[in-house]
Amino acid sequence: MNFKVRAATKDDCKEISRMILELAVYEKMPDQVKITHEELERDGFCQNPFFECLVAEVPEEFKSEDGFTIVGYGLYFYTYSTWKGRSVHLEDLYVMPEFRGKGIGKGLLSTVAEVGKKMQCVQLQLSVLDWNTPSRDFYAAKGAQDLTASEGWHVLRFDGQDLDNLANEAPKD
């Protein structure tokens, strides 16, 4: 399929927001999406962006049934491993269902890896839901290691009141 992967622009945020919701529906968690395209614009296209994003774009003649030419995205940010050094974390990789199996996901993933390598990152990390076998198989076929299975790592999160409570316990001057 004819497509290109490019850096997202501020003007792409409405399309990225649309696909974030599509991904959340696929992951059976649409009620978890609280972010708006305005927040994406603010957080990704400011002086010190919190994330970077790639989009997959098809020519007008290959647009989706609903008229979209932006058909996938990869949203990522940089982290740091105290054991390995610079890392890139792939938060989301999404391709619209009608465009899957055409190399677009591989193109997005490979480009995130290329960007990471240019930034001297030594690893690319991501999380996948345990029931999402197609994605787990896709990443495994590309060489990803399942750290939960091999090393026993679990992803933990503080949010909402628990995050507030923890922040309130910070030592004060």
C-alpha atoms as a PDB file:
ATOM      1  CA  MET A   1       0.000   0.000   0.000  1.00  0.00           C
ATOM      2  CA  ASN A   2       1.162   3.510  -0.769  1.00  0.00           C
ATOM      3  CA  PHE A   3       1.588   5.475   2.488  1.00  0.00           C
ATOM      4  CA  LYS A   4       4.071   7.757   4.174  1.00  0.00           C
ATOM      5  CA  VAL A   5       5.129   8.132   7.785  1.00  0.00           C
ATOM      6  CA  ARG A   6       5.863  11.676   8.883  1.00  0.00           C
ATOM      7  CA  ALA A   7       6.205  13.743  12.027  1.00  0.00           C
ATOM      8  CA  ALA A   8       2.830  14.893  13.277  1.00  0.00           C
ATOM      9  CA  THR A   9       2.023  18.589  13.238  1.00  0.00           C
ATOM     10  CA  LYS A  10      -0.222  20.611  15.491  1.00  0.00           C
ATOM     11  CA  ASP A  11      -2.842  20.476  12.726  1.00  0.00           C
ATOM     12  CA  ASP A  12      -2.942  16.667  13.015  1.00  0.00           C
ATOM     13  CA  CYS A  13      -4.109  16.698  16.647  1.00  0.00           C
ATOM     14  CA  LYS A  14      -7.821  16.354  15.845  1.00  0.00           C
ATOM     15  CA  GLU A  15      -7.062  13.246  13.781  1.00  0.00           C
ATOM     16  CA  ILE A  16      -4.748  11.856  16.479  1.00  0.00           C
ATOM     17  CA  SER A  17      -7.460  12.514  19.074  1.00  0.00           C
ATOM     18  CA  ARG A  18      -9.971  10.631  16.896  1.00  0.00           C
ATOM     19  CA  MET A  19      -7.645   7.642  16.646  1.00  0.00           C
ATOM     20  CA  ILE A  20      -6.848   7.706  20.391  1.00  0.00           C
ATOM     21  CA  LEU A  21     -10.564   7.187  21.003  1.00  0.00           C
ATOM     22  CA  GLU A  22     -10.704   4.432  18.365  1.00  0.00           C
ATOM     23  CA  LEU A  23      -7.802   2.693  20.115  1.00  0.00           C
ATOM     24  CA  ALA A  24      -9.518   3.041  23.497  1.00  0.00           C
ATOM     25  CA  VAL A  25     -12.689   1.478  22.059  1.00  0.00           C
ATOM     26  CA  TYR A  26     -10.584  -1.419  20.691  1.00  0.00           C
ATOM     27  CA  GLU A  27      -8.940  -1.817  24.107  1.00  0.00           C
ATOM     28  CA  LYS A  28     -12.413  -1.843  25.727  1.00  0.00           C
ATOM     29  CA  MET A  29     -11.717   1.325  27.737  1.00  0.00           C
ATOM     30  CA  PRO A  30     -13.350   4.253  25.897  1.00  0.00           C
ATOM     31  CA  ASP A  31     -14.428   5.825  29.188  1.00  0.00           C
ATOM     32  CA  GLN A  32     -10.762   6.219  30.181  1.00  0.00           C
ATOM     33  CA  VAL A  33     -10.000   8.830  27.496  1.00  0.00           C
ATOM     34  CA  LYS A  34     -10.082  12.274  29.086  1.00  0.00           C
ATOM     35  CA  ILE A  35      -7.650  14.157  26.851  1.00  0.00           C
ATOM     36  CA  THR A  36      -8.739  16.640  24.180  1.00  0.00           C
ATOM     37  CA  HIS A  37      -7.084  17.612  20.932  1.00  0.00           C
ATOM     38  CA  GLU A  38      -6.361  21.006  22.537  1.00  0.00           C
ATOM     39  CA  GLU A  39      -4.352  19.267  25.263  1.00  0.00           C
ATOM     40  CA  LEU A  40      -2.484  17.278  22.628  1.00  0.00           C
ATOM     41  CA  GLU A  41      -1.671  20.532  20.839  1.00  0.00           C
ATOM     42  CA  ARG A  42      -0.502  22.148  24.090  1.00  0.00           C
ATOM     43  CA  ASP A  43       1.548  19.188  25.339  1.00  0.00           C
ATOM     44  CA  GLY A  44       3.091  17.992  22.085  1.00  0.00           C
ATOM     45  CA  PHE A  45       3.769  21.239  20.287  1.00  0.00           C
ATOM     46  CA  CYS A  46       5.189  23.539  22.948  1.00  0.00           C
ATOM     47  CA  GLN A  47       8.743  24.640  23.745  1.00  0.00           C
ATOM     48  CA  ASN A  48       9.453  21.484  25.791  1.00  0.00           C
ATOM     49  CA  PRO A  49       7.033  18.871  24.421  1.00  0.00           C
ATOM     50  CA  PHE A  50       5.922  15.989  26.615  1.00  0.00           C
ATOM     51  CA  PHE A  51       5.647  13.670  23.624  1.00  0.00           C
ATOM     52  CA  GLU A  52       6.408  13.299  19.939  1.00  0.00           C
ATOM     53  CA  CYS A  53       4.167  11.668  17.390  1.00  0.00           C
ATOM     54  CA  LEU A  54       4.309  10.176  13.921  1.00  0.00           C
ATOM     55  CA  VAL A  55       1.346   9.787  11.629  1.00  0.00           C
ATOM     56  CA  ALA A  56       0.759   7.431   8.726  1.00  0.00           C
ATOM     57  CA  GLU A  57      -0.859   9.129   5.770  1.00  0.00           C
ATOM     58  CA  VAL A  58      -2.296   7.643   2.601  1.00  0.00           C
ATOM     59  CA  PRO A  59      -2.932   9.503  -0.672  1.00  0.00           C
ATOM     60  CA  GLU A  60      -6.417  10.909  -1.219  1.00  0.00           C
ATOM     61  CA  GLU A  61      -7.299   8.061  -3.612  1.00  0.00           C
ATOM     62  CA  PHE A  62      -6.745   5.522  -0.803  1.00  0.00           C
ATOM     63  CA  LYS A  63      -8.612   7.428   1.924  1.00  0.00           C
ATOM     64  CA  SER A  64     -10.740   5.504   4.413  1.00  0.00           C
ATOM     65  CA  GLU A  65     -14.426   4.788   3.947  1.00  0.00           C
ATOM     66  CA  ASP A  66     -15.085   7.824   6.176  1.00  0.00           C
ATOM     67  CA  GLY A  67     -12.751  10.064   4.149  1.00  0.00           C
ATOM     68  CA  PHE A  68      -9.655  10.025   6.386  1.00  0.00           C
ATOM     69  CA  THR A  69      -6.135  10.141   4.951  1.00  0.00           C
ATOM     70  CA  ILE A  70      -4.402  10.036   8.367  1.00  0.00           C
ATOM     71  CA  VAL A  71      -4.855   6.339   9.124  1.00  0.00           C
ATOM     72  CA  GLY A  72      -2.409   5.578  11.930  1.00  0.00           C
ATOM     73  CA  TYR A  73      -0.162   7.099  14.548  1.00  0.00           C
ATOM     74  CA  GLY A  74       2.690   6.307  16.904  1.00  0.00           C
ATOM     75  CA  LEU A  75       2.964   8.483  20.002  1.00  0.00           C
ATOM     76  CA  TYR A  76       6.202   8.237  21.979  1.00  0.00           C
ATOM     77  CA  PHE A  77       8.397  10.019  24.503  1.00  0.00           C
ATOM     78  CA  TYR A  78      11.864   9.668  25.958  1.00  0.00           C
ATOM     79  CA  THR A  79      12.688   8.060  29.273  1.00  0.00           C
ATOM     80  CA  TYR A  80      15.850   7.028  31.033  1.00  0.00           C
ATOM     81  CA  SER A  81      16.967   3.649  32.337  1.00  0.00           C
ATOM     82  CA  THR A  82      19.433   3.780  35.221  1.00  0.00           C
ATOM     83  CA  TRP A  83      20.724   0.421  33.978  1.00  0.00           C
ATOM     84  CA  LYS A  84      20.885   1.047  30.236  1.00  0.00           C
ATOM     85  CA  GLY A  85      20.642   4.801  29.560  1.00  0.00           C
ATOM     86  CA  ARG A  86      18.471   6.595  27.026  1.00  0.00           C
ATOM     87  CA  SER A  87      15.179   4.949  26.137  1.00  0.00           C
ATOM     88  CA  VAL A  88      12.160   5.669  24.007  1.00  0.00           C
ATOM     89  CA  HIS A  89       8.706   4.648  25.237  1.00  0.00           C
ATOM     90  CA  LEU A  90       6.034   3.937  22.640  1.00  0.00           C
ATOM     91  CA  GLU A  91       2.785   4.934  24.349  1.00  0.00           C
ATOM     92  CA  ASP A  92       0.469   4.152  21.430  1.00  0.00           C
ATOM     93  CA  LEU A  93       0.759   2.475  18.049  1.00  0.00           C
ATOM     94  CA  TYR A  94      -2.508   2.441  16.158  1.00  0.00           C
ATOM     95  CA  VAL A  95      -3.620   1.716  12.613  1.00  0.00           C
ATOM     96  CA  MET A  96      -7.248   1.976  11.574  1.00  0.00           C
ATOM     97  CA  PRO A  97      -8.741  -1.526  11.100  1.00  0.00           C
ATOM     98  CA  GLU A  98      -9.306  -1.195   7.344  1.00  0.00           C
ATOM     99  CA  PHE A  99      -5.585  -0.385   6.877  1.00  0.00           C
ATOM    100  CA  ARG A 100      -4.099  -3.176   9.007  1.00  0.00           C
ATOM    101  CA  GLY A 101      -1.949  -5.854   7.403  1.00  0.00           C
ATOM    102  CA  LYS A 102      -0.536  -3.435   4.835  1.00  0.00           C
ATOM    103  CA  GLY A 103       2.801  -2.611   6.515  1.00  0.00           C
ATOM    104  CA  ILE A 104       1.652   0.647   8.124  1.00  0.00           C
ATOM    105  CA  GLY A 105       2.100  -0.544  11.725  1.00  0.00           C
ATOM    106  CA  LYS A 106       5.548  -1.879  10.860  1.00  0.00           C
ATOM    107  CA  GLY A 107       6.366   1.442   9.195  1.00  0.00           C
ATOM    108  CA  LEU A 108       5.340   3.414  12.281  1.00  0.00           C
ATOM    109  CA  LEU A 109       7.155   1.067  14.698  1.00  0.00           C
ATOM    110  CA  SER A 110      10.326   1.030  12.594  1.00  0.00           C
ATOM    111  CA  THR A 111      10.314   4.816  12.317  1.00  0.00           C
ATOM    112  CA  VAL A 112       9.965   5.217  16.098  1.00  0.00           C
ATOM    113  CA  ALA A 113      12.939   2.858  16.445  1.00  0.00           C
ATOM    114  CA  GLU A 114      14.898   4.882  13.862  1.00  0.00           C
ATOM    115  CA  VAL A 115      14.135   8.154  15.678  1.00  0.00           C
ATOM    116  CA  GLY A 116      15.170   6.551  18.970  1.00  0.00           C
ATOM    117  CA  LYS A 117      18.450   5.324  17.506  1.00  0.00           C
ATOM    118  CA  LYS A 118      19.179   8.827  16.156  1.00  0.00           C
ATOM    119  CA  MET A 119      18.628  10.122  19.705  1.00  0.00           C
ATOM    120  CA  GLN A 120      21.100   7.463  20.964  1.00  0.00           C
ATOM    121  CA  CYS A 121      18.396   5.443  22.732  1.00  0.00           C
ATOM    122  CA  VAL A 122      19.445   1.900  23.563  1.00  0.00           C
ATOM    123  CA  GLN A 123      15.958   0.483  24.030  1.00  0.00           C
ATOM    124  CA  LEU A 124      12.372   0.929  22.956  1.00  0.00           C
ATOM    125  CA  GLN A 125       9.721  -0.018  25.500  1.00  0.00           C
ATOM    126  CA  LEU A 126       5.964  -0.349  25.299  1.00  0.00           C
ATOM    127  CA  SER A 127       3.040  -1.985  27.070  1.00  0.00           C
ATOM    128  CA  VAL A 128       0.435  -4.306  25.593  1.00  0.00           C
ATOM    129  CA  LEU A 129      -2.746  -5.588  27.221  1.00  0.00           C
ATOM    130  CA  ASP A 130      -2.488  -9.276  28.104  1.00  0.00           C
ATOM    131  CA  TRP A 131      -5.533 -10.249  25.974  1.00  0.00           C
ATOM    132  CA  ASN A 132      -4.281  -8.376  22.871  1.00  0.00           C
ATOM    133  CA  THR A 133      -2.733 -11.395  21.182  1.00  0.00           C
ATOM    134  CA  PRO A 134      -2.516  -9.844  17.682  1.00  0.00           C
ATOM    135  CA  SER A 135      -0.412  -6.946  18.998  1.00  0.00           C
ATOM    136  CA  ARG A 136       1.679  -9.171  21.259  1.00  0.00           C
ATOM    137  CA  ASP A 137       2.389 -11.481  18.316  1.00  0.00           C
ATOM    138  CA  PHE A 138       3.212  -8.503  16.060  1.00  0.00           C
ATOM    139  CA  TYR A 139       5.778  -7.112  18.515  1.00  0.00           C
ATOM    140  CA  ALA A 140       7.215 -10.556  19.292  1.00  0.00           C
ATOM    141  CA  ALA A 141       7.707 -11.207  15.566  1.00  0.00           C
ATOM    142  CA  LYS A 142       9.793  -8.020  15.444  1.00  0.00           C
ATOM    143  CA  GLY A 143      11.944  -9.189  18.371  1.00  0.00           C
ATOM    144  CA  ALA A 144      10.240  -7.627  21.407  1.00  0.00           C
ATOM    145  CA  GLN A 145      10.794  -9.370  24.731  1.00  0.00           C
ATOM    146  CA  ASP A 146       7.888  -9.831  27.150  1.00  0.00           C
ATOM    147  CA  LEU A 147       9.475  -8.580  30.379  1.00  0.00           C
ATOM    148  CA  THR A 148       6.510  -9.668  32.506  1.00  0.00           C
ATOM    149  CA  ALA A 149       7.072 -13.243  31.377  1.00  0.00           C
ATOM    150  CA  SER A 150      10.886 -13.216  31.295  1.00  0.00           C
ATOM    151  CA  GLU A 151      11.789 -10.935  34.218  1.00  0.00           C
ATOM    152  CA  GLY A 152       8.587 -10.567  36.221  1.00  0.00           C
ATOM    153  CA  TRP A 153       8.228  -6.777  35.826  1.00  0.00           C
ATOM    154  CA  HIS A 154       4.783  -5.310  36.440  1.00  0.00           C
ATOM    155  CA  VAL A 155       3.611  -1.856  35.368  1.00  0.00           C
ATOM    156  CA  LEU A 156       2.236   0.177  38.289  1.00  0.00           C
ATOM    157  CA  ARG A 157       0.394   3.499  38.341  1.00  0.00           C
ATOM    158  CA  PHE A 158      -0.656   6.174  40.801  1.00  0.00           C
ATOM    159  CA  ASP A 159      -3.479   8.463  39.680  1.00  0.00           C
ATOM    160  CA  GLY A 160      -6.418  10.460  40.986  1.00  0.00           C
ATOM    161  CA  GLN A 161      -6.720  10.607  44.769  1.00  0.00           C
ATOM    162  CA  ASP A 162      -3.837   8.153  45.211  1.00  0.00           C
ATOM    163  CA  LEU A 163      -1.516  10.495  43.290  1.00  0.00           C
ATOM    164  CA  ASP A 164      -2.800  13.461  45.319  1.00  0.00           C
ATOM    165  CA  ASN A 165      -2.239  11.600  48.572  1.00  0.00           C
ATOM    166  CA  LEU A 166       1.285  10.628  47.583  1.00  0.00           C
ATOM    167  CA  ALA A 167       2.152  14.177  46.490  1.00  0.00           C
ATOM    168  CA  ASN A 168       0.812  15.522  49.790  1.00  0.00           C
ATOM    169  CA  GLU A 169       3.286  13.287  51.644  1.00  0.00           C
ATOM    170  CA  ALA A 170       6.295  15.001  50.025  1.00  0.00           C
ATOM    171  CA  PRO A 171       8.664  16.516  52.597  1.00  0.00           C
ATOM    172  CA  LYS A 172       8.152  20.243  53.071  1.00  0.00           C
ATOM    173  CA  ASP A 173      10.893  22.775  53.752  1.00  0.00           C
END
